[in-house]
Amino acid sequence: MAFGKAPKDPFGTAVGSLIERATFGALQTEEWGQFLHICDVINATEEGPKDAVKALKKKLSKNCNHKEIRLTLSLLDMCVQNCGPRFQSLVVKKDFCKDKLVKLLNPRYNLPIDMQERILTFIMTWARGFQGMVDVTEVKEVYLELLKKGVEFPSADTSTGGPKSSPSSANPTKRSLLPLPTGPTLLLTAEQIGKLYSELDMAKMNVRVMSSILKENVPGSENPDDMNLLQKLYKTCRVMQERIMELLVTVENEDVIVELIQVNEDLNNVLLGHESIIPQNITVNILMECILV
C-alpha cells in the first residue's frame, strides 16, 4: 500500500516535456525557435516558471553529458532574458544557482572551460540584479562565497546569451575552486578603512593606466617603454589582487567588502586583457617573478 503521492515527474508537465526534448543530447545544436516557444509557454501559464525551473534542475542534476548541459545553459540564458521576474526570481535562489549550477564546476564533471565561464558569468550577472524587480540576496551570497574561495570570474563584458554569443577562451588554470581559508575575522576601524581605501585608490589608478596602455598599443607594434611599464603594473596588480582576496576572507565590514569586490573585478578584467595580448611565455615568466618576490 502506497503512502502519499509519488513525486511528479518534472518532465511530465507541458513545459517540462518541451525542455526535455529541446536539450536532448542527440541534437546537433541549439534550436532557438524551440527555445523561444518554451519561453512563451512559461510566460503563458501560472505554473510555467515553477515547472520550467523544476525541469531545468532535473536536466542539470548529476548530468555528465556535456552536450545536454551546454544546451540547457543556452536555454536557461534565453529564459532569463525573456521570461521576466517570475522566472528570474526562482533561478537566483541557492537551490538552483548553487546546488545545481555551481555544483557543475566540480572537477568530477570535467566541463569545458567556456561552459564553466558561462556558469560563472551567470552568477556574476545575476548578483548585480534585475533592475530591482528580483530579490538577488541569495545569488549575491553565492557570488561572494565564490570570490572568497579564490574563484576568478570572466571579464564583465563576456557575452553569455542568444544565438550570437561566443564562448570565452580564457586561461583554464584560473577556473579552480580553492579551499576556503580559515582564520579569525576582522572588523576594521575607521582609521584602518581610510588607509585601505587609499591603497584601493592606488589599485584603481594602476587599473586605469594598464587599461590605457592596452588600448593604445596594437599587438605587433607595441611601444617598448609602454610594455616595460605594463609588465611592472601587471606584477603590482597581481600582488594587489592577492591581498584583496585575503581581505575578502577576513574583513567583516559590509561596505568594505562591496568595495573590495568591485576593485577585484576591475583588476581581474584588466589582468585578463593583459594576458590576451602578451605571449604566454612572457606571462608565465612574470607570474614566476611574482611568486619568487
Protein backbone atom coordinates (compact mmCIF):
# COMPACT_ATOMS: atom_id res chain seq x y z
CA MET A 1 0.00 0.00 0.00
CA ALA A 2 1.42 3.34 -1.06
CA PHE A 3 1.59 6.23 1.36
CA GLY A 4 1.19 9.72 -0.06
CA LYS A 5 1.62 10.77 -3.65
CA ALA A 6 4.62 9.89 -5.76
CA PRO A 7 6.72 12.94 -6.71
CA LYS A 8 5.63 14.46 -10.00
CA ASP A 9 8.00 13.96 -12.92
CA PRO A 10 9.38 17.43 -13.86
CA PHE A 11 9.40 16.32 -17.50
CA GLY A 12 5.73 15.32 -17.25
CA THR A 13 4.41 18.89 -17.43
CA ALA A 14 3.72 20.74 -20.66
CA VAL A 15 6.81 22.94 -20.40
CA GLY A 16 8.88 20.17 -18.83
CA SER A 17 8.39 17.86 -21.80
CA LEU A 18 9.40 20.68 -24.16
CA ILE A 19 12.56 21.33 -22.14
CA GLU A 20 13.47 17.64 -22.14
CA ARG A 21 13.20 17.46 -25.95
CA ALA A 22 14.95 20.80 -26.58
CA THR A 23 18.01 19.77 -24.50
CA PHE A 24 18.30 16.17 -25.69
CA GLY A 25 21.94 15.24 -26.20
CA ALA A 26 21.43 13.87 -29.71
CA LEU A 27 20.63 17.36 -31.05
CA GLN A 28 23.40 18.89 -33.11
CA THR A 29 22.92 22.47 -31.94
CA GLU A 30 20.51 24.82 -30.19
CA GLU A 31 17.04 25.08 -31.72
CA TRP A 32 16.46 28.75 -30.98
CA GLY A 33 12.92 28.75 -32.31
CA GLN A 34 12.01 25.96 -29.92
CA PHE A 35 13.71 27.83 -27.08
CA LEU A 36 11.56 30.90 -27.78
CA HIS A 37 8.46 28.72 -27.84
CA ILE A 38 9.41 27.39 -24.39
CA CYS A 39 9.70 30.99 -23.16
CA ASP A 40 6.20 31.70 -24.50
CA VAL A 41 4.80 28.66 -22.70
CA ILE A 42 6.50 29.70 -19.44
CA ASN A 43 5.03 33.19 -19.68
CA ALA A 44 1.55 31.97 -20.64
CA THR A 45 0.75 29.94 -17.53
CA GLU A 46 0.76 30.50 -13.78
CA GLU A 47 2.79 27.36 -13.08
CA GLY A 48 5.05 27.81 -16.10
CA PRO A 49 8.07 29.32 -14.27
CA LYS A 50 7.97 26.75 -11.45
CA ASP A 51 7.52 23.82 -13.83
CA ALA A 52 10.34 25.09 -16.06
CA VAL A 53 12.80 25.51 -13.19
CA LYS A 54 11.98 22.02 -11.89
CA ALA A 55 12.70 20.58 -15.34
CA LEU A 56 15.94 22.56 -15.66
CA LYS A 57 17.02 21.32 -12.22
CA LYS A 58 16.44 17.72 -13.24
CA LYS A 59 18.31 18.21 -16.51
CA LEU A 60 21.35 19.69 -14.70
CA SER A 61 21.32 17.36 -11.69
CA LYS A 62 24.19 14.85 -11.77
CA ASN A 63 24.36 15.14 -15.54
CA CYS A 64 27.74 14.31 -17.10
CA ASN A 65 26.54 14.73 -20.69
CA HIS A 66 28.32 17.89 -21.81
CA LYS A 67 26.09 18.36 -24.86
CA GLU A 68 22.94 18.33 -22.72
CA ILE A 69 24.47 20.71 -20.19
CA ARG A 70 25.51 23.12 -22.96
CA LEU A 71 22.03 23.09 -24.49
CA THR A 72 20.45 23.56 -21.06
CA LEU A 73 22.69 26.54 -20.27
CA SER A 74 21.74 28.15 -23.59
CA LEU A 75 18.05 27.57 -22.89
CA LEU A 76 18.43 28.90 -19.35
CA ASP A 77 20.06 32.06 -20.63
CA MET A 78 17.27 32.67 -23.14
CA CYS A 79 14.62 32.08 -20.47
CA VAL A 80 16.27 34.55 -18.09
CA GLN A 81 16.26 37.17 -20.84
CA ASN A 82 12.69 36.56 -21.97
CA CYS A 83 10.63 35.24 -19.05
CA GLY A 84 10.78 38.14 -16.59
CA PRO A 85 10.71 38.34 -12.78
CA ARG A 86 8.51 35.29 -12.13
CA PHE A 87 11.12 33.03 -13.69
CA GLN A 88 14.19 35.06 -12.69
CA SER A 89 13.23 35.07 -9.01
CA LEU A 90 13.46 31.26 -8.98
CA VAL A 91 16.82 30.79 -10.69
CA VAL A 92 18.58 33.25 -8.34
CA LYS A 93 17.75 31.07 -5.33
CA LYS A 94 20.51 28.99 -3.76
CA ASP A 95 18.75 25.72 -4.52
CA PHE A 96 19.23 26.49 -8.21
CA CYS A 97 22.25 28.75 -8.70
CA LYS A 98 24.40 26.98 -6.09
CA ASP A 99 23.01 23.48 -5.72
CA LYS A 100 22.63 22.92 -9.47
CA LEU A 101 24.80 25.36 -11.45
CA VAL A 102 27.84 25.85 -9.21
CA LYS A 103 27.99 22.13 -8.47
CA LEU A 104 28.74 21.57 -12.15
CA LEU A 105 32.09 23.33 -11.60
CA ASN A 106 33.22 20.33 -9.58
CA PRO A 107 36.15 18.62 -11.37
CA ARG A 108 34.18 15.37 -11.50
CA TYR A 109 32.05 16.87 -14.30
CA ASN A 110 35.13 17.99 -16.25
CA LEU A 111 33.21 20.77 -18.00
CA PRO A 112 34.95 22.61 -20.87
CA ILE A 113 36.30 26.00 -19.84
CA ASP A 114 33.78 28.01 -21.86
CA MET A 115 30.91 26.24 -20.08
CA GLN A 116 32.49 26.84 -16.67
CA GLU A 117 32.91 30.50 -17.55
CA ARG A 118 29.32 30.72 -18.71
CA ILE A 119 28.09 29.45 -15.35
CA LEU A 120 30.33 31.92 -13.51
CA THR A 121 29.10 34.74 -15.73
CA PHE A 122 25.50 33.82 -14.90
CA ILE A 123 26.25 34.06 -11.18
CA MET A 124 28.13 37.34 -11.54
CA THR A 125 25.47 38.93 -13.76
CA TRP A 126 22.51 37.79 -11.69
CA ALA A 127 24.18 39.04 -8.49
CA ARG A 128 24.09 42.54 -9.97
CA GLY A 129 20.33 42.43 -10.08
CA PHE A 130 17.40 42.73 -12.47
CA GLN A 131 16.53 46.44 -12.22
CA GLY A 132 15.29 45.96 -8.66
CA MET A 133 12.44 43.65 -9.67
CA VAL A 134 14.01 40.47 -8.27
CA ASP A 135 15.46 39.73 -4.83
CA VAL A 136 19.05 38.68 -5.57
CA THR A 137 20.17 38.29 -1.95
CA GLU A 138 20.83 34.56 -2.26
CA VAL A 139 22.77 34.67 -5.52
CA LYS A 140 24.84 37.57 -4.11
CA GLU A 141 25.80 35.32 -1.20
CA VAL A 142 26.85 32.61 -3.66
CA TYR A 143 28.88 35.16 -5.66
CA LEU A 144 30.69 36.42 -2.57
CA GLU A 145 31.33 32.87 -1.38
CA LEU A 146 32.99 32.00 -4.69
CA LEU A 147 35.10 35.15 -4.57
CA LYS A 148 36.26 34.27 -1.08
CA LYS A 149 37.25 30.83 -2.32
CA GLY A 150 39.54 32.46 -4.88
CA VAL A 151 37.42 31.88 -7.98
CA GLU A 152 38.29 34.32 -10.77
CA PHE A 153 35.26 35.42 -12.76
CA PRO A 154 35.29 36.10 -16.51
CA SER A 155 35.59 39.64 -17.82
CA ALA A 156 32.45 41.68 -17.20
CA ASP A 157 31.88 42.17 -20.94
CA THR A 158 31.82 38.44 -21.74
CA SER A 159 28.73 37.65 -23.80
CA THR A 160 26.50 34.99 -22.28
CA GLY A 161 23.43 34.50 -24.31
CA GLY A 162 21.47 34.26 -27.51
CA PRO A 163 22.43 32.81 -30.86
CA LYS A 164 25.17 35.42 -31.33
CA SER A 165 27.10 34.59 -28.20
CA SER A 166 30.57 33.07 -28.38
CA PRO A 167 32.43 31.17 -25.66
CA SER A 168 35.31 32.80 -23.86
CA SER A 169 38.76 31.27 -24.23
CA ALA A 170 40.48 32.47 -21.07
CA ASN A 171 43.22 30.51 -19.38
CA PRO A 172 41.73 27.31 -17.90
CA THR A 173 44.16 27.34 -14.99
CA LYS A 174 42.21 30.24 -13.47
CA ARG A 175 38.98 28.32 -13.03
CA SER A 176 39.57 26.23 -9.96
CA LEU A 177 37.59 26.30 -6.73
CA LEU A 178 40.13 26.88 -4.00
CA PRO A 179 39.60 25.74 -0.41
CA LEU A 180 38.22 28.48 1.82
CA PRO A 181 40.93 29.62 4.24
CA THR A 182 40.06 29.51 7.90
CA GLY A 183 41.08 32.08 10.47
CA PRO A 184 39.88 34.98 12.60
CA THR A 185 37.70 37.67 11.05
CA LEU A 186 38.45 41.36 11.40
CA LEU A 187 36.23 44.40 11.92
CA LEU A 188 38.23 47.35 10.58
CA THR A 189 38.36 50.64 12.43
CA ALA A 190 37.67 53.95 10.69
CA GLU A 191 41.42 54.64 10.51
CA GLN A 192 42.13 51.23 9.01
CA ILE A 193 39.35 51.70 6.47
CA GLY A 194 40.83 55.06 5.47
CA LYS A 195 44.25 53.51 4.88
CA LEU A 196 42.74 50.60 2.97
CA TYR A 197 40.74 52.92 0.71
CA SER A 198 43.94 54.84 -0.06
CA GLU A 199 45.55 51.56 -1.18
CA LEU A 200 42.47 50.69 -3.22
CA ASP A 201 42.63 54.12 -4.90
CA MET A 202 46.18 53.24 -5.92
CA ALA A 203 44.92 49.93 -7.33
CA LYS A 204 42.24 51.79 -9.30
CA MET A 205 44.84 54.15 -10.71
CA ASN A 206 47.00 51.22 -11.80
CA VAL A 207 43.97 49.67 -13.48
CA ARG A 208 43.31 52.91 -15.38
CA VAL A 209 46.93 53.15 -16.54
CA MET A 210 47.02 49.49 -17.62
CA SER A 211 43.72 49.92 -19.49
CA SER A 212 45.06 52.99 -21.27
CA ILE A 213 48.26 51.20 -22.34
CA LEU A 214 46.32 48.17 -23.56
CA LYS A 215 44.06 50.39 -25.69
CA GLU A 216 46.89 52.45 -27.17
CA ASN A 217 49.24 49.59 -28.11
CA VAL A 218 48.30 47.38 -31.06
CA PRO A 219 49.77 43.83 -30.93
CA GLY A 220 52.84 43.72 -33.17
CA SER A 221 53.65 47.43 -32.92
CA GLU A 222 53.91 47.97 -29.18
CA ASN A 223 55.88 50.80 -27.62
CA PRO A 224 58.79 49.18 -25.70
CA ASP A 225 58.56 51.70 -22.84
CA ASP A 226 54.84 51.07 -22.53
CA MET A 227 55.43 47.30 -22.46
CA ASN A 228 58.04 47.63 -19.70
CA LEU A 229 55.64 49.72 -17.63
CA LEU A 230 52.81 47.27 -18.39
CA GLN A 231 54.82 44.35 -17.05
CA LYS A 232 55.61 46.23 -13.83
CA LEU A 233 51.96 47.18 -13.40
CA TYR A 234 50.93 43.60 -14.08
CA LYS A 235 53.14 42.33 -11.26
CA THR A 236 51.87 45.06 -8.91
CA CYS A 237 48.22 44.38 -9.74
CA ARG A 238 48.70 40.64 -9.23
CA VAL A 239 50.03 41.29 -5.73
CA MET A 240 47.19 43.72 -5.03
CA GLN A 241 44.61 41.17 -6.15
CA GLU A 242 46.09 38.50 -3.88
CA ARG A 243 45.87 40.94 -0.97
CA ILE A 244 42.26 41.75 -1.79
CA MET A 245 41.36 38.05 -1.84
CA GLU A 246 42.92 37.67 1.61
CA LEU A 247 40.92 40.64 2.91
CA LEU A 248 37.65 39.31 1.47
CA VAL A 249 38.04 36.25 3.65
CA THR A 250 38.78 38.13 6.88
CA VAL A 251 37.08 41.55 6.78
CA GLU A 252 33.60 41.88 8.31
CA ASN A 253 32.74 45.47 7.27
CA GLU A 254 29.99 45.14 4.64
CA ASP A 255 30.77 48.43 2.84
CA VAL A 256 34.43 47.46 2.62
CA ILE A 257 33.53 44.06 1.21
CA VAL A 258 31.45 45.69 -1.54
CA GLU A 259 34.37 47.96 -2.45
CA LEU A 260 36.84 45.05 -2.41
CA ILE A 261 34.61 43.04 -4.75
CA GLN A 262 34.38 45.91 -7.23
CA VAL A 263 38.13 46.57 -7.25
CA ASN A 264 38.79 42.84 -7.58
CA GLU A 265 36.54 42.71 -10.66
CA ASP A 266 38.33 45.71 -12.19
CA LEU A 267 41.71 44.10 -11.53
CA ASN A 268 40.57 40.78 -12.94
CA ASN A 269 39.31 42.40 -16.14
CA VAL A 270 42.50 44.33 -16.82
CA LEU A 271 44.70 41.34 -15.98
CA LEU A 272 42.74 39.18 -18.41
CA GLY A 273 43.09 41.94 -21.00
CA HIS A 274 46.85 41.93 -20.48
CA GLU A 275 47.11 38.15 -20.81
CA SER A 276 45.13 38.17 -24.04
CA ILE A 277 47.79 40.24 -25.87
CA ILE A 278 51.01 39.23 -24.11
CA PRO A 279 52.68 35.99 -25.31
CA GLN A 280 52.04 33.13 -22.91
CA ASN A 281 55.71 32.52 -22.10
CA ILE A 282 56.16 36.15 -21.06
CA THR A 283 53.09 35.97 -18.81
CA VAL A 284 54.39 32.80 -17.17
CA ASN A 285 57.76 34.43 -16.52
CA ILE A 286 56.05 37.44 -14.92
CA LEU A 287 53.98 35.16 -12.71
CA MET A 288 57.08 33.28 -11.60
CA GLU A 289 58.70 36.58 -10.71
CA CYS A 290 55.64 37.46 -8.62
CA ILE A 291 55.90 34.15 -6.79
CA LEU A 292 59.61 34.49 -6.12
CA VAL A 293 59.45 38.11 -4.92
